[in-house]
Amino acid sequence: MKYLCLLWLLSTISYAKVRELSLDLKRMPFQRDFLFPDRTNWGHEVRMTADMNIGRWFIDNQLTGRTYDSRFRYVAWEYDTGFYILPWLDLIWSHKSQHTMDLYRDKFPVTDSYGIRLKFVE
């Protein structure tokens, strides 16, 4: 079953039109975050962006990781996905979540929403 899922995923990605695929590598000398308010010197930030279309479906995807003491301590995932209904109207679902890797918490900041996107200029 897992090989069938992998085959489906690879065939979907090969069919997709990739609009953007990028990797950002940043140094963060004095960054503060609300999950770690006393920590003022994060190490690095790695951000991967993958935006693609598959027919009338789209996904705008960003995965971010931050390091401190050479370990990933913070990971965030943001994506917008949906369908093109008309040239000026999209049906969208948005997800934003933030996770710490070295603290035990039951709940992490998560925002999920759905709606429509009206495009005035493209």
Protein backbone atom coordinates (compact mmCIF):
# COMPACT_ATOMS: atom_id res chain seq x y z
CA MET A 1 0.00 0.00 0.00
CA LYS A 2 2.78 2.44 0.86
CA TYR A 3 4.42 1.82 -2.54
CA LEU A 4 1.12 2.57 -4.25
CA CYS A 5 0.87 5.86 -2.30
CA LEU A 6 4.46 6.71 -3.23
CA LEU A 7 3.76 5.98 -6.90
CA TRP A 8 0.63 8.17 -6.77
CA LEU A 9 2.60 11.00 -5.13
CA LEU A 10 5.42 10.83 -7.71
CA SER A 11 2.99 10.77 -10.63
CA THR A 12 1.08 13.74 -9.19
CA ILE A 13 4.27 15.75 -8.70
CA SER A 14 5.42 14.95 -12.24
CA TYR A 15 2.06 16.16 -13.57
CA ALA A 16 2.13 19.35 -11.48
CA LYS A 17 3.20 22.69 -12.85
CA VAL A 18 5.69 24.07 -10.34
CA ARG A 19 5.42 27.86 -10.11
CA GLU A 20 8.09 28.32 -7.46
CA LEU A 21 10.52 26.03 -5.69
CA SER A 22 13.04 27.81 -3.48
CA LEU A 23 15.19 27.37 -0.40
CA ASP A 24 16.16 30.31 1.82
CA LEU A 25 19.09 30.05 4.23
CA LYS A 26 19.38 32.89 6.75
CA ARG A 27 21.49 33.86 9.76
CA MET A 28 19.39 35.27 12.63
CA PRO A 29 21.63 37.04 15.16
CA PHE A 30 19.08 38.64 17.54
CA GLN A 31 15.61 37.25 16.92
CA ARG A 32 13.02 36.82 19.68
CA ASP A 33 9.96 34.58 19.47
CA PHE A 34 6.86 34.38 21.67
CA LEU A 35 7.37 30.66 22.23
CA PHE A 36 10.87 31.34 23.62
CA PRO A 37 10.74 34.94 24.95
CA ASP A 38 14.02 34.67 26.90
CA ARG A 39 16.02 33.32 23.95
CA THR A 40 17.44 36.19 21.90
CA ASN A 41 20.02 34.55 19.66
CA TRP A 42 18.59 32.03 17.26
CA GLY A 43 21.11 30.44 14.97
CA HIS A 44 19.77 30.00 11.47
CA GLU A 45 16.52 29.84 9.58
CA VAL A 46 15.80 27.46 6.72
CA ARG A 47 12.69 28.06 4.62
CA MET A 48 11.45 25.93 1.76
CA THR A 49 8.78 27.28 -0.58
CA ALA A 50 6.94 25.06 -3.06
CA ASP A 51 4.05 26.51 -5.06
CA MET A 52 2.39 24.36 -7.70
CA ASN A 53 -0.73 23.84 -9.77
CA ILE A 54 -2.31 20.52 -10.65
CA GLY A 55 -5.09 21.27 -13.10
CA ARG A 56 -7.51 23.64 -11.35
CA TRP A 57 -6.06 22.86 -7.90
CA PHE A 58 -3.22 24.91 -6.40
CA ILE A 59 -1.06 24.80 -3.29
CA ASP A 60 1.21 27.55 -1.97
CA ASN A 61 3.39 25.87 0.64
CA GLN A 62 6.04 27.17 3.07
CA LEU A 63 7.94 25.12 5.64
CA THR A 64 10.22 27.01 8.03
CA GLY A 65 12.71 25.68 10.58
CA ARG A 66 14.86 27.62 13.06
CA THR A 67 17.96 26.38 14.81
CA TYR A 68 19.53 27.19 18.15
CA ASP A 69 22.73 25.49 19.30
CA SER A 70 22.87 23.63 15.96
CA ARG A 71 19.51 21.88 16.54
CA PHE A 72 16.12 22.53 15.01
CA ARG A 73 14.01 23.89 17.85
CA TYR A 74 11.15 25.52 15.96
CA VAL A 75 9.20 24.44 12.88
CA ALA A 76 6.33 26.28 11.20
CA TRP A 77 4.14 25.25 8.28
CA GLU A 78 1.97 27.61 6.27
CA TYR A 79 -0.01 26.72 3.18
CA ASP A 80 -2.90 27.96 1.09
CA THR A 81 -4.64 25.42 -1.06
CA GLY A 82 -7.75 25.54 -3.15
CA PHE A 83 -9.40 25.51 -6.54
CA TYR A 84 -9.65 28.04 -9.33
CA ILE A 85 -13.41 28.56 -9.77
CA LEU A 86 -13.33 31.49 -12.21
CA PRO A 87 -10.40 33.57 -13.51
CA TRP A 88 -11.08 36.11 -10.75
CA LEU A 89 -12.40 33.79 -7.99
CA ASP A 90 -10.67 31.04 -5.95
CA LEU A 91 -11.97 28.78 -3.20
CA ILE A 92 -9.21 28.57 -0.56
CA TRP A 93 -8.20 26.74 2.63
CA SER A 94 -5.38 28.22 4.75
CA HIS A 95 -3.33 26.54 7.46
CA LYS A 96 -0.69 28.07 9.74
CA SER A 97 0.96 26.14 12.57
CA GLN A 98 4.01 26.63 14.79
CA HIS A 99 5.73 23.87 16.74
CA THR A 100 8.62 23.78 19.20
CA MET A 101 10.78 20.70 19.10
CA ASP A 102 12.20 20.66 22.62
CA LEU A 103 9.29 21.73 24.84
CA TYR A 104 6.42 19.50 25.84
CA ARG A 105 3.18 21.29 25.15
CA ASP A 106 -0.28 19.95 24.43
CA LYS A 107 -1.28 22.83 22.21
CA PHE A 108 0.62 24.84 19.64
CA PRO A 109 -0.52 27.96 17.80
CA VAL A 110 -2.63 26.79 14.83
CA THR A 111 -4.86 28.81 12.51
CA ASP A 112 -7.09 27.09 9.96
CA SER A 113 -9.53 29.01 7.79
CA TYR A 114 -11.46 28.75 4.56
CA GLY A 115 -13.06 31.25 2.24
CA ILE A 116 -12.83 32.82 -1.17
CA ARG A 117 -10.13 34.89 -2.84
CA LEU A 118 -11.17 37.68 -5.21
CA LYS A 119 -8.42 38.61 -7.68
CA PHE A 120 -8.53 42.19 -8.96
CA VAL A 121 -5.20 42.19 -10.84
CA GLU A 122 -3.10 39.17 -11.76
